[in-house]
């Protein structure tokens, strides 16, 4: 990957939360905690806490790829983390702020890499196999948008539940 493409990828990674931040900051506390009546649904708050956990894992993955190329990384089970780490009692908006700060930290450290170090950086994922630094960045650049769809779905379900409540009060 050419240097200018790499810098653009790091920038996209760093700013991948921009749309999600706008959406999340418009939600009421009640809407953040709302869980739609769908199988295996998470609240918006749960999604925000998950994003921080994912990016905390990502710090070790990306920085490890640079420091120790080819080192195996552990898989993690997001559902187990949600169930056992008290997501419902955690401030999701605060977690989102921390995730954004982590992304800035990661991006700053990656922008300064020389090309030789960058090209040699990779991890060994237990399910996906060998992943270059660029491949990991591409995966995680799309992670916030993947969760943004759930935030939008939850907002629609919340609005429908409120409309149904008002209709039932007549």
N, C-alpha and C. Protein backbone atom coordinates (compact mmCIF):
# COMPACT_ATOMS: atom_id res chain seq x y z
N UNK A 1 0.86 -1.18 0.00
CA UNK A 1 0.00 0.00 0.00
C UNK A 1 0.90 1.24 0.00
N UNK A 2 0.58 2.16 -0.89
CA UNK A 2 1.35 3.40 -0.98
C UNK A 2 1.16 4.22 0.29
N UNK A 3 2.14 5.05 0.61
CA UNK A 3 2.12 5.86 1.83
C UNK A 3 0.87 6.74 1.90
N UNK A 4 0.50 7.40 0.81
CA UNK A 4 -0.67 8.30 0.84
C UNK A 4 -1.96 7.51 1.08
N UNK A 5 -2.05 6.29 0.55
CA UNK A 5 -3.23 5.44 0.79
C UNK A 5 -3.28 5.02 2.25
N UNK A 6 -2.12 4.70 2.80
CA UNK A 6 -2.03 4.30 4.21
C UNK A 6 -2.47 5.45 5.12
N UNK A 7 -1.97 6.63 4.86
CA UNK A 7 -2.34 7.79 5.68
C UNK A 7 -3.84 8.05 5.59
N UNK A 8 -4.43 7.90 4.42
CA UNK A 8 -5.88 8.06 4.25
C UNK A 8 -6.63 6.99 5.03
N UNK A 9 -6.12 5.77 5.04
CA UNK A 9 -6.75 4.68 5.79
C UNK A 9 -6.70 4.96 7.28
N UNK A 10 -5.57 5.40 7.77
CA UNK A 10 -5.44 5.73 9.20
C UNK A 10 -6.39 6.87 9.56
N UNK A 11 -6.51 7.86 8.70
CA UNK A 11 -7.43 8.97 8.95
C UNK A 11 -8.88 8.49 8.97
N UNK A 12 -9.25 7.63 8.03
CA UNK A 12 -10.61 7.06 8.01
C UNK A 12 -10.87 6.27 9.28
N UNK A 13 -9.89 5.50 9.71
CA UNK A 13 -9.99 4.73 10.96
C UNK A 13 -10.20 5.68 12.14
N UNK A 14 -9.41 6.73 12.20
CA UNK A 14 -9.48 7.68 13.32
C UNK A 14 -10.85 8.37 13.39
N UNK A 15 -11.44 8.66 12.24
CA UNK A 15 -12.70 9.42 12.22
C UNK A 15 -13.93 8.54 11.97
N UNK A 16 -13.77 7.24 12.12
CA UNK A 16 -14.87 6.31 11.85
C UNK A 16 -16.06 6.47 12.80
N UNK A 17 -15.84 7.09 13.94
CA UNK A 17 -16.94 7.28 14.91
C UNK A 17 -17.76 8.54 14.65
N UNK A 18 -17.38 9.38 13.73
CA UNK A 18 -18.01 10.69 13.59
C UNK A 18 -19.54 10.62 13.47
N UNK A 19 -20.06 9.78 12.59
CA UNK A 19 -21.53 9.69 12.41
C UNK A 19 -22.19 9.10 13.66
N UNK A 20 -21.56 8.11 14.24
CA UNK A 20 -22.12 7.45 15.42
C UNK A 20 -22.18 8.42 16.60
N UNK A 21 -21.16 9.24 16.76
CA UNK A 21 -21.14 10.23 17.85
C UNK A 21 -22.34 11.17 17.73
N UNK A 22 -22.57 11.66 16.53
CA UNK A 22 -23.69 12.58 16.32
C UNK A 22 -25.01 11.93 16.72
N UNK A 23 -25.20 10.68 16.32
CA UNK A 23 -26.43 9.96 16.64
C UNK A 23 -26.54 9.70 18.15
N UNK A 24 -25.49 9.19 18.75
CA UNK A 24 -25.53 8.81 20.16
C UNK A 24 -25.77 10.01 21.07
N UNK A 25 -25.18 11.14 20.74
CA UNK A 25 -25.32 12.32 21.59
C UNK A 25 -26.71 12.95 21.54
N UNK A 26 -27.54 12.54 20.59
CA UNK A 26 -28.91 13.05 20.50
C UNK A 26 -29.90 12.22 21.33
N UNK A 27 -29.45 11.11 21.88
CA UNK A 27 -30.36 10.18 22.54
C UNK A 27 -30.55 10.52 24.02
N UNK A 28 -31.77 10.31 24.49
CA UNK A 28 -32.07 10.50 25.91
C UNK A 28 -31.52 9.32 26.70
N UNK A 29 -31.34 9.47 28.01
CA UNK A 29 -30.90 8.32 28.82
C UNK A 29 -31.83 7.12 28.69
N UNK A 30 -33.13 7.39 28.60
CA UNK A 30 -34.11 6.31 28.45
C UNK A 30 -33.91 5.58 27.11
N UNK A 31 -33.67 6.34 26.07
CA UNK A 31 -33.46 5.74 24.75
C UNK A 31 -32.14 4.96 24.70
N UNK A 32 -31.11 5.47 25.37
CA UNK A 32 -29.83 4.75 25.41
C UNK A 32 -29.97 3.37 26.04
N UNK A 33 -30.83 3.27 27.05
CA UNK A 33 -30.97 2.01 27.81
C UNK A 33 -32.05 1.08 27.23
N UNK A 34 -32.82 1.57 26.28
CA UNK A 34 -33.91 0.79 25.69
C UNK A 34 -33.36 -0.42 24.93
N UNK A 35 -34.00 -1.58 25.19
CA UNK A 35 -33.65 -2.80 24.46
C UNK A 35 -34.86 -3.21 23.63
N UNK A 36 -34.73 -3.25 22.30
CA UNK A 36 -35.87 -3.64 21.46
C UNK A 36 -36.28 -5.09 21.74
N UNK A 37 -37.52 -5.36 21.50
CA UNK A 37 -38.06 -6.72 21.72
C UNK A 37 -37.68 -7.61 20.54
N UNK A 38 -36.38 -7.84 20.39
CA UNK A 38 -35.84 -8.69 19.33
C UNK A 38 -34.86 -9.68 19.95
N UNK A 39 -34.80 -10.85 19.38
CA UNK A 39 -33.89 -11.87 19.90
C UNK A 39 -32.45 -11.35 19.89
N UNK A 40 -31.77 -11.52 21.01
CA UNK A 40 -30.36 -11.17 21.17
C UNK A 40 -30.05 -9.69 21.00
N UNK A 41 -31.07 -8.82 21.14
CA UNK A 41 -30.84 -7.39 20.98
C UNK A 41 -30.08 -6.82 22.17
N UNK A 42 -29.27 -5.83 21.89
CA UNK A 42 -28.55 -5.07 22.91
C UNK A 42 -29.12 -3.66 22.94
N UNK A 43 -29.00 -3.00 24.07
CA UNK A 43 -29.34 -1.58 24.13
C UNK A 43 -28.27 -0.78 23.38
N UNK A 44 -28.60 0.44 23.04
CA UNK A 44 -27.60 1.32 22.45
C UNK A 44 -26.43 1.50 23.41
N UNK A 45 -26.73 1.64 24.68
CA UNK A 45 -25.67 1.76 25.68
C UNK A 45 -24.72 0.57 25.62
N UNK A 46 -25.28 -0.64 25.50
CA UNK A 46 -24.45 -1.84 25.39
C UNK A 46 -23.52 -1.76 24.18
N UNK A 47 -24.04 -1.29 23.06
CA UNK A 47 -23.22 -1.15 21.86
C UNK A 47 -22.07 -0.17 22.09
N UNK A 48 -22.34 0.92 22.79
CA UNK A 48 -21.30 1.91 23.04
C UNK A 48 -20.20 1.37 23.95
N UNK A 49 -20.60 0.63 24.98
CA UNK A 49 -19.61 0.01 25.87
C UNK A 49 -18.79 -1.03 25.09
N UNK A 50 -19.46 -1.80 24.26
CA UNK A 50 -18.78 -2.80 23.44
C UNK A 50 -17.72 -2.15 22.55
N UNK A 51 -18.03 -1.00 21.97
CA UNK A 51 -17.07 -0.34 21.10
C UNK A 51 -15.79 0.01 21.84
N UNK A 52 -15.91 0.41 23.11
CA UNK A 52 -14.71 0.68 23.90
C UNK A 52 -13.94 -0.62 24.14
N UNK A 53 -14.63 -1.68 24.53
CA UNK A 53 -13.95 -2.95 24.73
C UNK A 53 -13.24 -3.41 23.46
N UNK A 54 -13.90 -3.26 22.33
CA UNK A 54 -13.29 -3.66 21.06
C UNK A 54 -12.04 -2.83 20.78
N UNK A 55 -12.12 -1.53 21.02
CA UNK A 55 -10.96 -0.69 20.74
C UNK A 55 -9.84 -0.89 21.77
N UNK A 56 -10.18 -1.26 23.00
CA UNK A 56 -9.14 -1.62 23.97
C UNK A 56 -8.39 -2.86 23.49
N UNK A 57 -9.12 -3.84 23.00
CA UNK A 57 -8.48 -5.02 22.42
C UNK A 57 -7.66 -4.62 21.19
N UNK A 58 -8.17 -3.69 20.44
CA UNK A 58 -7.51 -3.25 19.22
C UNK A 58 -6.16 -2.58 19.49
N UNK A 59 -6.05 -1.85 20.60
CA UNK A 59 -4.78 -1.22 20.94
C UNK A 59 -3.69 -2.30 20.99
N UNK A 60 -3.97 -3.39 21.67
CA UNK A 60 -2.98 -4.47 21.77
C UNK A 60 -2.73 -5.11 20.41
N UNK A 61 -3.76 -5.23 19.61
CA UNK A 61 -3.60 -5.87 18.30
C UNK A 61 -2.74 -5.02 17.36
N UNK A 62 -3.08 -3.76 17.24
CA UNK A 62 -2.36 -2.90 16.30
C UNK A 62 -0.95 -2.58 16.79
N UNK A 63 -0.84 -2.20 18.03
CA UNK A 63 0.49 -1.87 18.55
C UNK A 63 1.34 -3.14 18.66
N UNK A 64 0.68 -4.26 18.94
CA UNK A 64 1.41 -5.53 18.96
C UNK A 64 1.90 -5.94 17.59
N UNK A 65 1.10 -5.65 16.56
CA UNK A 65 1.51 -5.96 15.19
C UNK A 65 2.79 -5.22 14.83
N UNK A 66 2.92 -4.02 15.35
CA UNK A 66 4.12 -3.21 15.09
C UNK A 66 5.29 -3.71 15.94
N UNK A 67 5.05 -3.89 17.23
CA UNK A 67 6.12 -4.24 18.16
C UNK A 67 6.58 -5.70 18.02
N UNK A 68 5.63 -6.59 17.77
CA UNK A 68 5.93 -8.02 17.71
C UNK A 68 5.21 -8.64 16.50
N UNK A 69 5.69 -8.34 15.30
CA UNK A 69 5.01 -8.83 14.10
C UNK A 69 4.80 -10.35 14.12
N UNK A 70 3.60 -10.75 13.73
CA UNK A 70 3.27 -12.17 13.63
C UNK A 70 2.87 -12.84 14.91
N UNK A 71 2.81 -12.11 15.98
CA UNK A 71 2.44 -12.69 17.26
C UNK A 71 0.96 -13.08 17.25
N UNK A 72 0.64 -14.29 17.73
CA UNK A 72 -0.78 -14.67 17.82
C UNK A 72 -1.53 -13.78 18.81
N UNK A 73 -2.76 -13.46 18.48
CA UNK A 73 -3.60 -12.67 19.36
C UNK A 73 -4.75 -13.53 19.85
N UNK A 74 -5.29 -13.25 21.02
CA UNK A 74 -6.43 -14.03 21.50
C UNK A 74 -7.73 -13.58 20.85
N UNK A 75 -8.64 -14.51 20.68
CA UNK A 75 -10.00 -14.17 20.29
C UNK A 75 -10.71 -13.70 21.56
N UNK A 76 -11.79 -12.96 21.37
CA UNK A 76 -12.59 -12.57 22.54
C UNK A 76 -14.05 -12.70 22.18
N UNK A 77 -14.87 -12.95 23.18
CA UNK A 77 -16.29 -13.20 23.00
C UNK A 77 -17.07 -11.96 23.46
N UNK A 78 -17.51 -11.11 22.53
CA UNK A 78 -18.21 -9.88 22.92
C UNK A 78 -19.45 -10.12 23.78
N UNK A 79 -20.17 -11.19 23.52
CA UNK A 79 -21.37 -11.46 24.32
C UNK A 79 -21.00 -11.79 25.77
N UNK A 80 -19.95 -12.55 25.98
CA UNK A 80 -19.50 -12.85 27.34
C UNK A 80 -19.05 -11.57 28.04
N UNK A 81 -18.36 -10.72 27.30
CA UNK A 81 -17.92 -9.45 27.90
C UNK A 81 -19.14 -8.61 28.30
N UNK A 82 -20.14 -8.56 27.45
CA UNK A 82 -21.35 -7.78 27.75
C UNK A 82 -22.06 -8.34 28.98
N UNK A 83 -22.22 -9.65 29.02
CA UNK A 83 -22.96 -10.27 30.11
C UNK A 83 -22.25 -10.19 31.45
N UNK A 84 -20.94 -10.29 31.43
CA UNK A 84 -20.20 -10.41 32.69
C UNK A 84 -19.51 -9.12 33.14
N UNK A 85 -19.52 -8.10 32.30
CA UNK A 85 -18.82 -6.87 32.65
C UNK A 85 -19.75 -5.70 32.91
N UNK A 86 -20.99 -5.99 33.27
CA UNK A 86 -21.90 -4.98 33.78
C UNK A 86 -22.16 -3.83 32.82
N UNK A 87 -22.35 -4.15 31.54
CA UNK A 87 -22.60 -3.11 30.54
C UNK A 87 -23.81 -2.24 30.90
N UNK A 88 -24.84 -2.85 31.44
CA UNK A 88 -26.06 -2.10 31.73
C UNK A 88 -25.84 -0.99 32.75
N UNK A 89 -24.83 -1.13 33.60
CA UNK A 89 -24.56 -0.12 34.63
C UNK A 89 -23.41 0.81 34.24
N UNK A 90 -22.92 0.69 33.02
CA UNK A 90 -21.78 1.47 32.56
C UNK A 90 -22.26 2.61 31.68
N UNK A 91 -21.62 3.75 31.79
CA UNK A 91 -21.98 4.94 31.02
C UNK A 91 -21.46 4.81 29.59
N UNK A 92 -22.35 4.47 28.68
CA UNK A 92 -21.97 4.24 27.29
C UNK A 92 -21.41 5.47 26.60
N UNK A 93 -21.95 6.65 26.90
CA UNK A 93 -21.44 7.87 26.27
C UNK A 93 -20.01 8.17 26.72
N UNK A 94 -19.73 7.92 27.98
CA UNK A 94 -18.37 8.07 28.48
C UNK A 94 -17.45 7.07 27.78
N UNK A 95 -17.92 5.83 27.62
CA UNK A 95 -17.14 4.81 26.91
C UNK A 95 -16.87 5.23 25.47
N UNK A 96 -17.86 5.83 24.83
CA UNK A 96 -17.67 6.31 23.46
C UNK A 96 -16.58 7.38 23.42
N UNK A 97 -16.59 8.30 24.38
CA UNK A 97 -15.53 9.31 24.44
C UNK A 97 -14.15 8.67 24.59
N UNK A 98 -14.07 7.65 25.44
CA UNK A 98 -12.79 6.96 25.62
C UNK A 98 -12.36 6.23 24.35
N UNK A 99 -13.32 5.61 23.67
CA UNK A 99 -13.00 4.91 22.42
C UNK A 99 -12.47 5.88 21.37
N UNK A 100 -13.07 7.06 21.29
CA UNK A 100 -12.60 8.08 20.35
C UNK A 100 -11.18 8.50 20.71
N UNK A 101 -10.92 8.68 21.99
CA UNK A 101 -9.56 9.04 22.43
C UNK A 101 -8.56 7.94 22.11
N UNK A 102 -8.96 6.68 22.30
CA UNK A 102 -8.08 5.57 21.96
C UNK A 102 -7.76 5.57 20.47
N UNK A 103 -8.77 5.83 19.66
CA UNK A 103 -8.54 5.88 18.20
C UNK A 103 -7.55 6.98 17.85
N UNK A 104 -7.66 8.11 18.49
CA UNK A 104 -6.73 9.20 18.23
C UNK A 104 -5.31 8.77 18.61
N UNK A 105 -5.18 8.14 19.77
CA UNK A 105 -3.89 7.63 20.23
C UNK A 105 -3.31 6.62 19.24
N UNK A 106 -4.13 5.67 18.82
CA UNK A 106 -3.67 4.66 17.86
C UNK A 106 -3.26 5.32 16.55
N UNK A 107 -4.11 6.21 16.04
CA UNK A 107 -3.83 6.86 14.76
C UNK A 107 -2.53 7.66 14.82
N UNK A 108 -2.34 8.39 15.90
CA UNK A 108 -1.10 9.18 16.02
C UNK A 108 0.12 8.26 16.02
N UNK A 109 0.04 7.13 16.71
CA UNK A 109 1.19 6.22 16.75
C UNK A 109 1.43 5.58 15.39
N UNK A 110 0.36 5.31 14.64
CA UNK A 110 0.51 4.65 13.33
C UNK A 110 0.96 5.60 12.23
N UNK A 111 0.54 6.85 12.31
CA UNK A 111 0.93 7.83 11.28
C UNK A 111 2.44 8.02 11.23
N UNK A 112 3.09 7.89 12.37
CA UNK A 112 4.52 8.14 12.43
C UNK A 112 5.41 6.96 12.07
N UNK A 113 4.82 5.83 11.75
CA UNK A 113 5.63 4.65 11.42
C UNK A 113 6.37 4.84 10.10
N UNK A 114 7.60 4.37 10.07
CA UNK A 114 8.26 4.40 8.77
C UNK A 114 7.73 3.23 7.94
N UNK A 115 7.87 3.33 6.64
CA UNK A 115 7.27 2.36 5.73
C UNK A 115 7.75 0.93 5.96
N UNK A 116 9.02 0.77 6.27
CA UNK A 116 9.56 -0.58 6.48
C UNK A 116 8.90 -1.25 7.68
N UNK A 117 8.77 -0.54 8.77
CA UNK A 117 8.13 -1.08 9.98
C UNK A 117 6.66 -1.38 9.68
N UNK A 118 6.00 -0.46 9.02
CA UNK A 118 4.58 -0.62 8.70
C UNK A 118 4.34 -1.86 7.84
N UNK A 119 5.15 -2.04 6.84
CA UNK A 119 4.97 -3.16 5.92
C UNK A 119 5.25 -4.52 6.55
N UNK A 120 6.04 -4.53 7.62
CA UNK A 120 6.36 -5.78 8.32
C UNK A 120 5.37 -6.11 9.44
N UNK A 121 4.47 -5.19 9.75
CA UNK A 121 3.54 -5.36 10.87
C UNK A 121 2.37 -6.24 10.47
N UNK A 122 2.13 -7.28 11.27
CA UNK A 122 0.98 -8.15 11.04
C UNK A 122 0.69 -8.94 12.32
N UNK A 123 -0.50 -9.51 12.40
CA UNK A 123 -0.89 -10.34 13.54
C UNK A 123 -1.38 -11.68 13.03
N UNK A 124 -1.43 -12.63 13.93
CA UNK A 124 -2.00 -13.94 13.63
C UNK A 124 -3.30 -14.07 14.42
N UNK A 125 -4.41 -13.92 13.70
CA UNK A 125 -5.73 -14.00 14.32
C UNK A 125 -6.16 -15.45 14.38
N UNK A 126 -6.76 -15.90 15.49
CA UNK A 126 -7.12 -17.31 15.62
C UNK A 126 -8.18 -17.78 14.63
N UNK A 127 -9.01 -16.89 14.13
CA UNK A 127 -10.07 -17.27 13.20
C UNK A 127 -9.81 -16.79 11.77
N UNK A 128 -9.14 -15.67 11.61
CA UNK A 128 -8.94 -15.07 10.28
C UNK A 128 -7.54 -15.30 9.71
N UNK A 129 -6.66 -15.86 10.52
CA UNK A 129 -5.30 -16.12 10.06
C UNK A 129 -4.44 -14.86 10.07
N UNK A 130 -3.51 -14.79 9.12
CA UNK A 130 -2.58 -13.67 9.04
C UNK A 130 -3.31 -12.42 8.57
N UNK A 131 -3.13 -11.34 9.32
CA UNK A 131 -3.73 -10.05 8.97
C UNK A 131 -2.66 -8.97 9.02
N UNK A 132 -2.50 -8.25 7.93
CA UNK A 132 -1.58 -7.12 7.90
C UNK A 132 -2.15 -5.98 8.73
N UNK A 133 -1.29 -5.04 9.03
CA UNK A 133 -1.72 -3.84 9.74
C UNK A 133 -2.86 -3.16 8.98
N UNK A 134 -2.72 -3.06 7.67
CA UNK A 134 -3.75 -2.41 6.85
C UNK A 134 -5.07 -3.18 6.88
N UNK A 135 -5.00 -4.50 6.89
CA UNK A 135 -6.22 -5.31 6.94
C UNK A 135 -6.97 -5.08 8.25
N UNK A 136 -6.24 -5.01 9.35
CA UNK A 136 -6.88 -4.76 10.65
C UNK A 136 -7.50 -3.37 10.66
N UNK A 137 -6.79 -2.40 10.13
CA UNK A 137 -7.34 -1.03 10.06
C UNK A 137 -8.62 -0.99 9.23
N UNK A 138 -8.66 -1.71 8.13
CA UNK A 138 -9.86 -1.73 7.29
C UNK A 138 -11.03 -2.35 8.03
N UNK A 139 -10.78 -3.45 8.73
CA UNK A 139 -11.85 -4.11 9.50
C UNK A 139 -12.42 -3.15 10.52
N UNK A 140 -11.54 -2.52 11.29
CA UNK A 140 -12.01 -1.67 12.38
C UNK A 140 -12.48 -0.29 11.91
N UNK A 141 -12.14 0.10 10.70
CA UNK A 141 -12.69 1.35 10.17
C UNK A 141 -14.19 1.21 9.94
N UNK A 142 -14.66 0.01 9.64
CA UNK A 142 -16.08 -0.23 9.42
C UNK A 142 -16.85 -0.62 10.66
N UNK A 143 -16.16 -0.89 11.76
CA UNK A 143 -16.83 -1.36 12.98
C UNK A 143 -17.86 -0.36 13.52
N UNK A 144 -17.54 0.92 13.63
CA UNK A 144 -18.56 1.87 14.11
C UNK A 144 -19.80 1.92 13.23
N UNK A 145 -19.65 1.89 11.91
CA UNK A 145 -20.82 1.91 11.02
C UNK A 145 -21.66 0.66 11.18
N UNK A 146 -21.02 -0.48 11.42
CA UNK A 146 -21.76 -1.72 11.68
C UNK A 146 -22.68 -1.52 12.89
N UNK A 147 -22.17 -0.89 13.93
CA UNK A 147 -22.98 -0.67 15.14
C UNK A 147 -23.94 0.50 14.99
N UNK A 148 -23.62 1.45 14.13
CA UNK A 148 -24.54 2.56 13.88
C UNK A 148 -25.88 2.05 13.37
N UNK A 149 -25.87 0.99 12.57
CA UNK A 149 -27.12 0.39 12.08
C UNK A 149 -27.99 -0.07 13.25
N UNK A 150 -27.36 -0.62 14.29
CA UNK A 150 -28.11 -1.07 15.45
C UNK A 150 -28.64 0.11 16.26
N UNK A 151 -27.87 1.18 16.35
CA UNK A 151 -28.36 2.37 17.03
C UNK A 151 -29.59 2.92 16.34
N UNK A 152 -29.54 2.96 15.01
CA UNK A 152 -30.69 3.44 14.23
C UNK A 152 -31.89 2.52 14.40
N UNK A 153 -31.65 1.22 14.36
CA UNK A 153 -32.73 0.25 14.57
C UNK A 153 -33.35 0.43 15.96
N UNK A 154 -32.51 0.59 16.98
CA UNK A 154 -33.01 0.77 18.34
C UNK A 154 -33.80 2.06 18.48
N UNK A 155 -33.35 3.11 17.82
CA UNK A 155 -34.08 4.39 17.88
C UNK A 155 -35.46 4.27 17.26
N UNK A 156 -35.53 3.58 16.13
CA UNK A 156 -36.83 3.36 15.48
C UNK A 156 -37.75 2.54 16.37
N UNK A 157 -37.22 1.49 16.98
CA UNK A 157 -38.02 0.65 17.88
C UNK A 157 -38.47 1.43 19.10
N UNK A 158 -37.59 2.29 19.61
CA UNK A 158 -37.94 3.12 20.76
C UNK A 158 -39.09 4.06 20.40
N UNK A 159 -38.97 4.72 19.25
CA UNK A 159 -40.02 5.64 18.80
C UNK A 159 -41.35 4.90 18.61
N UNK A 160 -41.29 3.72 18.04
CA UNK A 160 -42.52 2.93 17.85
C UNK A 160 -43.11 2.52 19.19
N UNK A 161 -42.28 2.18 20.15
CA UNK A 161 -42.80 1.79 21.47
C UNK A 161 -43.47 2.97 22.16
N UNK A 162 -42.93 4.16 21.95
CA UNK A 162 -43.53 5.37 22.54
C UNK A 162 -44.83 5.72 21.83
N UNK A 163 -44.87 5.56 20.53
CA UNK A 163 -46.10 5.83 19.77
C UNK A 163 -47.19 4.86 20.19
N UNK A 164 -46.83 3.61 20.39
CA UNK A 164 -47.79 2.59 20.83
C UNK A 164 -48.30 2.87 22.23
N UNK A 165 -47.43 3.39 23.12
CA UNK A 165 -47.82 3.73 24.48
C UNK A 165 -48.80 4.88 24.47
N UNK A 166 -48.51 5.90 23.66
CA UNK A 166 -49.41 7.06 23.59
C UNK A 166 -50.77 6.65 23.01
N UNK A 167 -50.72 5.78 22.00
CA UNK A 167 -51.97 5.32 21.39
C UNK A 167 -52.81 4.53 22.37
N UNK A 168 -52.15 3.79 23.26
CA UNK A 168 -52.88 2.97 24.23
C UNK A 168 -53.47 3.79 25.36
N UNK A 169 -53.02 5.05 25.52
CA UNK A 169 -53.51 5.87 26.62
C UNK A 169 -54.78 6.62 26.27
N UNK A 170 -55.23 6.55 25.04
CA UNK A 170 -56.41 7.32 24.63
C UNK A 170 -57.66 6.75 25.19
